[in-house]
Amino acid sequence: MGPRWRVREEWGTVADLHAGSAALIHPPDRRRPARVVRVLHPTDRAVVLGSAQPESDVSLDAARVARTQVVRRRSGGGAVLVGPGLVVWIDVVVPAEDRLWEADVGRAFWWLGSAWVAALVEAGLPGAEMWAGGLVRSRWSGRVCFAGVGPGEVVMSGRKVVGMAQRRTRGGALFQCAVPILWDPASLLDLLTLNAAERAAGTTELGSAALGIGPAAAAPLVAALIDRLP
């Protein structure tokens, strides 16, 4: 049996919660990162951009009118709309010397994807599969996280149900996980810099890209994942 997980449940703004996760793999006292699971509850609403995603993808005027912050995370991928009742958000930190550490960036997600599959089944959501292939892109995946599928992510009936992104340092890896509670791509697209035709096309095309698990499944899913972590 490996070292135990330190589980932390935290509430705060989206910006503060992301800053807290980044600090775990960049400890200010230069200690090595430890195994940590953070179950995160945002108190505000934000469009969270991937580390390399241009801020110009977001309409700042639309975000301001919708009282939605614009936040950048340290891990990659496209934008996610985060806020109360929108996603299950869990961040996981693994130190570099841990038995779960994997040098291959793609395979590094597999153990966590397998844990999510088992957790979904335990929470009463069967039929999930971990994607073990390469990155699958669509014309929207550069802008919207749930528009593509990457290694270790989880799909149900061809629809993405667990999105993951990774940030690696010499000391460890941060895995940031999001599961839609309600999948409403129009709410995110309304905040992006799109014209009316693009927004309409995106709403249609992304409607079947992901799957929301529903509010009743959120708490059981979190408990099941923590129980299933190796």
Protein backbone atom coordinates (compact mmCIF):
# COMPACT_ATOMS: atom_id res chain seq x y z
CA MET A 1 0.00 0.00 0.00
CA GLY A 2 1.31 3.44 -0.94
CA PRO A 3 1.25 6.61 1.14
CA ARG A 4 -2.13 7.90 2.20
CA TRP A 5 -3.91 10.74 0.47
CA ARG A 6 -4.37 14.03 2.27
CA VAL A 7 -7.93 15.13 1.45
CA ARG A 8 -8.87 18.80 1.69
CA GLU A 9 -12.31 20.28 1.01
CA GLU A 10 -12.13 23.99 0.30
CA TRP A 11 -14.38 26.91 -0.63
CA GLY A 12 -13.28 30.16 -2.28
CA THR A 13 -13.21 32.20 -5.45
CA VAL A 14 -12.18 30.37 -8.60
CA ALA A 15 -8.99 32.44 -8.80
CA ASP A 16 -8.01 31.68 -5.20
CA LEU A 17 -8.72 27.97 -5.55
CA HIS A 18 -6.54 27.74 -8.67
CA ALA A 19 -3.76 29.64 -6.91
CA GLY A 20 -3.93 27.18 -4.01
CA SER A 21 -3.47 24.19 -6.30
CA ALA A 22 -0.55 25.81 -8.12
CA ALA A 23 1.15 26.42 -4.77
CA LEU A 24 1.05 22.71 -3.96
CA ILE A 25 3.53 21.88 -6.71
CA HIS A 26 5.52 25.06 -6.10
CA PRO A 27 5.77 24.99 -2.28
CA PRO A 28 7.11 28.33 -0.97
CA ASP A 29 9.37 26.52 1.50
CA ARG A 30 10.77 24.35 -1.34
CA ARG A 31 9.61 21.14 0.26
CA ARG A 32 8.68 18.25 -2.02
CA PRO A 33 4.98 18.07 -2.93
CA ALA A 34 2.89 15.48 -1.09
CA ARG A 35 -0.09 13.38 -2.16
CA VAL A 36 -3.07 15.73 -1.93
CA VAL A 37 -6.69 15.63 -3.10
CA ARG A 38 -8.50 18.98 -3.10
CA VAL A 39 -12.29 18.92 -3.42
CA LEU A 40 -13.04 22.46 -4.51
CA HIS A 41 -16.23 24.49 -4.18
CA PRO A 42 -16.19 27.82 -6.04
CA THR A 43 -18.12 30.69 -4.51
CA ASP A 44 -18.16 32.76 -7.71
CA ARG A 45 -18.40 32.07 -11.44
CA ALA A 46 -15.52 32.19 -13.90
CA VAL A 47 -14.38 31.24 -17.37
CA VAL A 48 -11.16 29.33 -16.72
CA LEU A 49 -8.70 29.47 -19.61
CA GLY A 50 -6.00 26.89 -20.27
CA SER A 51 -2.40 27.91 -19.66
CA ALA A 52 -1.68 28.68 -23.33
CA GLN A 53 -5.15 29.83 -24.40
CA PRO A 54 -5.34 33.46 -25.56
CA GLU A 55 -7.42 35.78 -23.42
CA SER A 56 -8.88 37.14 -26.65
CA ASP A 57 -11.00 33.95 -26.81
CA VAL A 58 -13.21 35.56 -24.16
CA SER A 59 -15.44 38.59 -24.64
CA LEU A 60 -14.56 40.67 -21.60
CA ASP A 61 -17.69 42.79 -22.11
CA ALA A 62 -19.92 39.70 -22.12
CA ALA A 63 -18.15 38.31 -19.06
CA ARG A 64 -18.58 41.59 -17.21
CA VAL A 65 -22.31 41.76 -18.01
CA ALA A 66 -22.72 38.13 -16.87
CA ARG A 67 -20.74 38.85 -13.67
CA THR A 68 -18.30 36.14 -14.65
CA GLN A 69 -14.60 36.39 -13.86
CA VAL A 70 -11.86 35.40 -16.30
CA VAL A 71 -9.22 33.19 -14.70
CA ARG A 72 -6.19 31.38 -16.11
CA ARG A 73 -5.16 27.98 -14.78
CA ARG A 74 -1.62 26.60 -14.83
CA SER A 75 -2.62 23.44 -16.73
CA GLY A 76 -3.44 23.14 -20.42
CA GLY A 77 -6.55 22.68 -22.54
CA GLY A 78 -9.51 24.84 -23.43
CA ALA A 79 -11.94 26.94 -21.44
CA VAL A 80 -14.24 25.62 -18.72
CA LEU A 81 -17.14 27.51 -17.15
CA VAL A 82 -16.81 27.00 -13.39
CA GLY A 83 -19.22 28.05 -10.67
CA PRO A 84 -21.61 26.79 -8.00
CA GLY A 85 -23.60 23.82 -9.29
CA LEU A 86 -21.83 23.70 -12.66
CA VAL A 87 -19.00 21.19 -12.24
CA VAL A 88 -17.49 18.73 -9.80
CA TRP A 89 -13.95 20.10 -9.42
CA ILE A 90 -11.18 17.98 -7.93
CA ASP A 91 -7.44 18.64 -8.08
CA VAL A 92 -4.94 15.86 -7.37
CA VAL A 93 -1.22 16.27 -6.66
CA VAL A 94 1.29 13.42 -7.02
CA PRO A 95 4.97 13.86 -6.06
CA ALA A 96 7.60 12.89 -8.61
CA GLU A 97 8.96 10.03 -6.50
CA ASP A 98 5.51 8.48 -5.99
CA ARG A 99 4.75 5.07 -7.48
CA LEU A 100 1.93 6.72 -9.47
CA TRP A 101 4.34 9.10 -11.21
CA GLU A 102 4.66 8.35 -14.91
CA ALA A 103 7.29 9.96 -17.12
CA ASP A 104 5.10 9.67 -20.23
CA VAL A 105 2.82 12.71 -20.15
CA GLY A 106 -0.09 10.92 -21.84
CA ARG A 107 0.05 7.72 -19.81
CA ALA A 108 0.39 9.79 -16.64
CA PHE A 109 -3.39 10.30 -16.69
CA TRP A 110 -4.33 6.62 -16.96
CA TRP A 111 -4.36 5.64 -13.28
CA LEU A 112 -6.58 8.62 -12.46
CA GLY A 113 -8.89 7.98 -15.39
CA SER A 114 -9.33 4.39 -14.20
CA ALA A 115 -10.21 5.66 -10.72
CA TRP A 116 -12.84 7.98 -12.20
CA VAL A 117 -14.39 5.10 -14.18
CA ALA A 118 -14.68 2.99 -11.02
CA ALA A 119 -16.09 5.95 -9.09
CA LEU A 120 -18.75 6.64 -11.73
CA VAL A 121 -19.90 3.02 -11.55
CA GLU A 122 -20.01 3.15 -7.75
CA ALA A 123 -22.03 6.38 -7.92
CA GLY A 124 -24.63 4.69 -10.12
CA LEU A 125 -23.36 5.90 -13.49
CA PRO A 126 -22.31 2.77 -15.42
CA GLY A 127 -20.93 2.60 -18.93
CA ALA A 128 -17.95 4.93 -18.49
CA GLU A 129 -14.71 4.21 -20.35
CA MET A 130 -11.25 5.71 -20.04
CA TRP A 131 -9.82 7.03 -23.30
CA ALA A 132 -6.39 5.43 -23.75
CA GLY A 133 -5.77 6.72 -27.27
CA GLY A 134 -4.18 9.92 -28.47
CA LEU A 135 -5.61 13.41 -28.38
CA VAL A 136 -8.86 13.75 -30.36
CA ARG A 137 -9.49 17.30 -31.51
CA SER A 138 -12.49 19.05 -32.99
CA ARG A 139 -12.75 22.52 -34.43
CA TRP A 140 -13.85 23.71 -30.96
CA SER A 141 -11.35 21.89 -28.75
CA GLY A 142 -8.79 24.72 -28.77
CA ARG A 143 -11.40 26.97 -27.17
CA VAL A 144 -13.63 24.59 -25.17
CA CYS A 145 -12.24 21.88 -22.92
CA PHE A 146 -15.10 19.42 -23.36
CA ALA A 147 -14.99 19.66 -27.16
CA GLY A 148 -12.08 17.19 -27.43
CA VAL A 149 -10.83 14.07 -25.66
CA GLY A 150 -7.34 13.45 -24.34
CA PRO A 151 -5.51 10.47 -22.81
CA GLY A 152 -6.98 9.31 -19.51
CA GLU A 153 -10.19 11.32 -19.84
CA VAL A 154 -13.50 9.53 -19.42
CA VAL A 155 -16.36 9.17 -21.87
CA MET A 156 -19.85 7.68 -21.65
CA SER A 157 -21.62 6.71 -24.88
CA GLY A 158 -19.07 8.77 -26.78
CA ARG A 159 -19.66 11.89 -24.66
CA LYS A 160 -16.97 13.31 -22.39
CA VAL A 161 -17.84 13.15 -18.72
CA VAL A 162 -14.48 13.76 -17.01
CA GLY A 163 -12.07 16.38 -18.34
CA MET A 164 -8.51 16.51 -17.06
CA ALA A 165 -5.51 18.78 -17.49
CA GLN A 166 -2.01 18.47 -16.11
CA ARG A 167 0.78 20.70 -14.82
CA ARG A 168 4.17 19.08 -14.21
CA THR A 169 7.24 20.29 -12.36
CA ARG A 170 10.40 18.53 -11.25
CA GLY A 171 8.74 18.00 -7.89
CA GLY A 172 5.40 16.56 -8.98
CA ALA A 173 2.28 16.69 -11.10
CA LEU A 174 -1.00 18.53 -10.63
CA PHE A 175 -4.04 16.90 -12.23
CA GLN A 176 -7.06 19.18 -12.52
CA CYS A 177 -10.35 17.35 -13.03
CA ALA A 178 -13.79 18.67 -13.95
CA VAL A 179 -17.05 16.75 -14.32
CA PRO A 180 -20.06 18.66 -15.70
CA ILE A 181 -23.05 18.62 -13.37
CA LEU A 182 -25.07 20.40 -16.03
CA TRP A 183 -23.77 20.48 -19.61
CA ASP A 184 -24.95 23.70 -21.24
CA PRO A 185 -22.43 24.74 -23.91
CA ALA A 186 -24.44 27.86 -24.80
CA SER A 187 -23.64 29.38 -21.39
CA LEU A 188 -19.92 29.21 -22.17
CA LEU A 189 -20.21 30.14 -25.84
CA ASP A 190 -22.14 33.28 -24.89
CA LEU A 191 -18.94 34.47 -23.17
CA LEU A 192 -16.57 33.77 -26.06
CA THR A 193 -15.67 36.09 -28.90
CA LEU A 194 -17.94 34.55 -31.52
CA ASN A 195 -20.37 35.96 -34.04
CA ALA A 196 -24.01 34.86 -34.03
CA ALA A 197 -23.51 32.17 -36.68
CA GLU A 198 -20.51 30.69 -34.89
CA ARG A 199 -22.35 30.69 -31.58
CA ALA A 200 -25.37 28.92 -33.07
CA ALA A 201 -23.17 26.31 -34.77
CA GLY A 202 -21.21 25.73 -31.58
CA THR A 203 -24.35 25.26 -29.51
CA THR A 204 -25.56 22.61 -31.94
CA GLU A 205 -22.23 20.84 -32.40
CA LEU A 206 -21.21 20.82 -28.74
CA GLY A 207 -24.58 19.70 -27.41
CA SER A 208 -23.56 16.05 -27.69
CA ALA A 209 -19.86 16.54 -26.90
CA ALA A 210 -20.20 16.10 -23.13
CA LEU A 211 -22.60 14.76 -20.53
CA GLY A 212 -23.80 16.26 -17.26
CA ILE A 213 -24.09 13.83 -14.35
CA GLY A 214 -26.92 15.72 -12.58
CA PRO A 215 -26.88 17.38 -9.15
CA ALA A 216 -27.88 14.25 -7.19
CA ALA A 217 -24.80 12.32 -8.37
CA ALA A 218 -22.21 14.96 -7.45
CA ALA A 219 -21.65 14.17 -3.76
CA PRO A 220 -21.68 10.36 -4.19
CA LEU A 221 -19.22 10.68 -7.06
CA VAL A 222 -16.73 12.68 -4.99
CA ALA A 223 -16.90 10.18 -2.13
CA ALA A 224 -16.51 7.27 -4.55
CA LEU A 225 -13.47 8.80 -6.23
CA ILE A 226 -11.67 9.37 -2.93
CA ASP A 227 -12.44 5.77 -1.97
CA ARG A 228 -11.07 4.48 -5.29
CA LEU A 229 -7.78 6.38 -5.39
CA PRO A 230 -4.88 3.90 -5.25
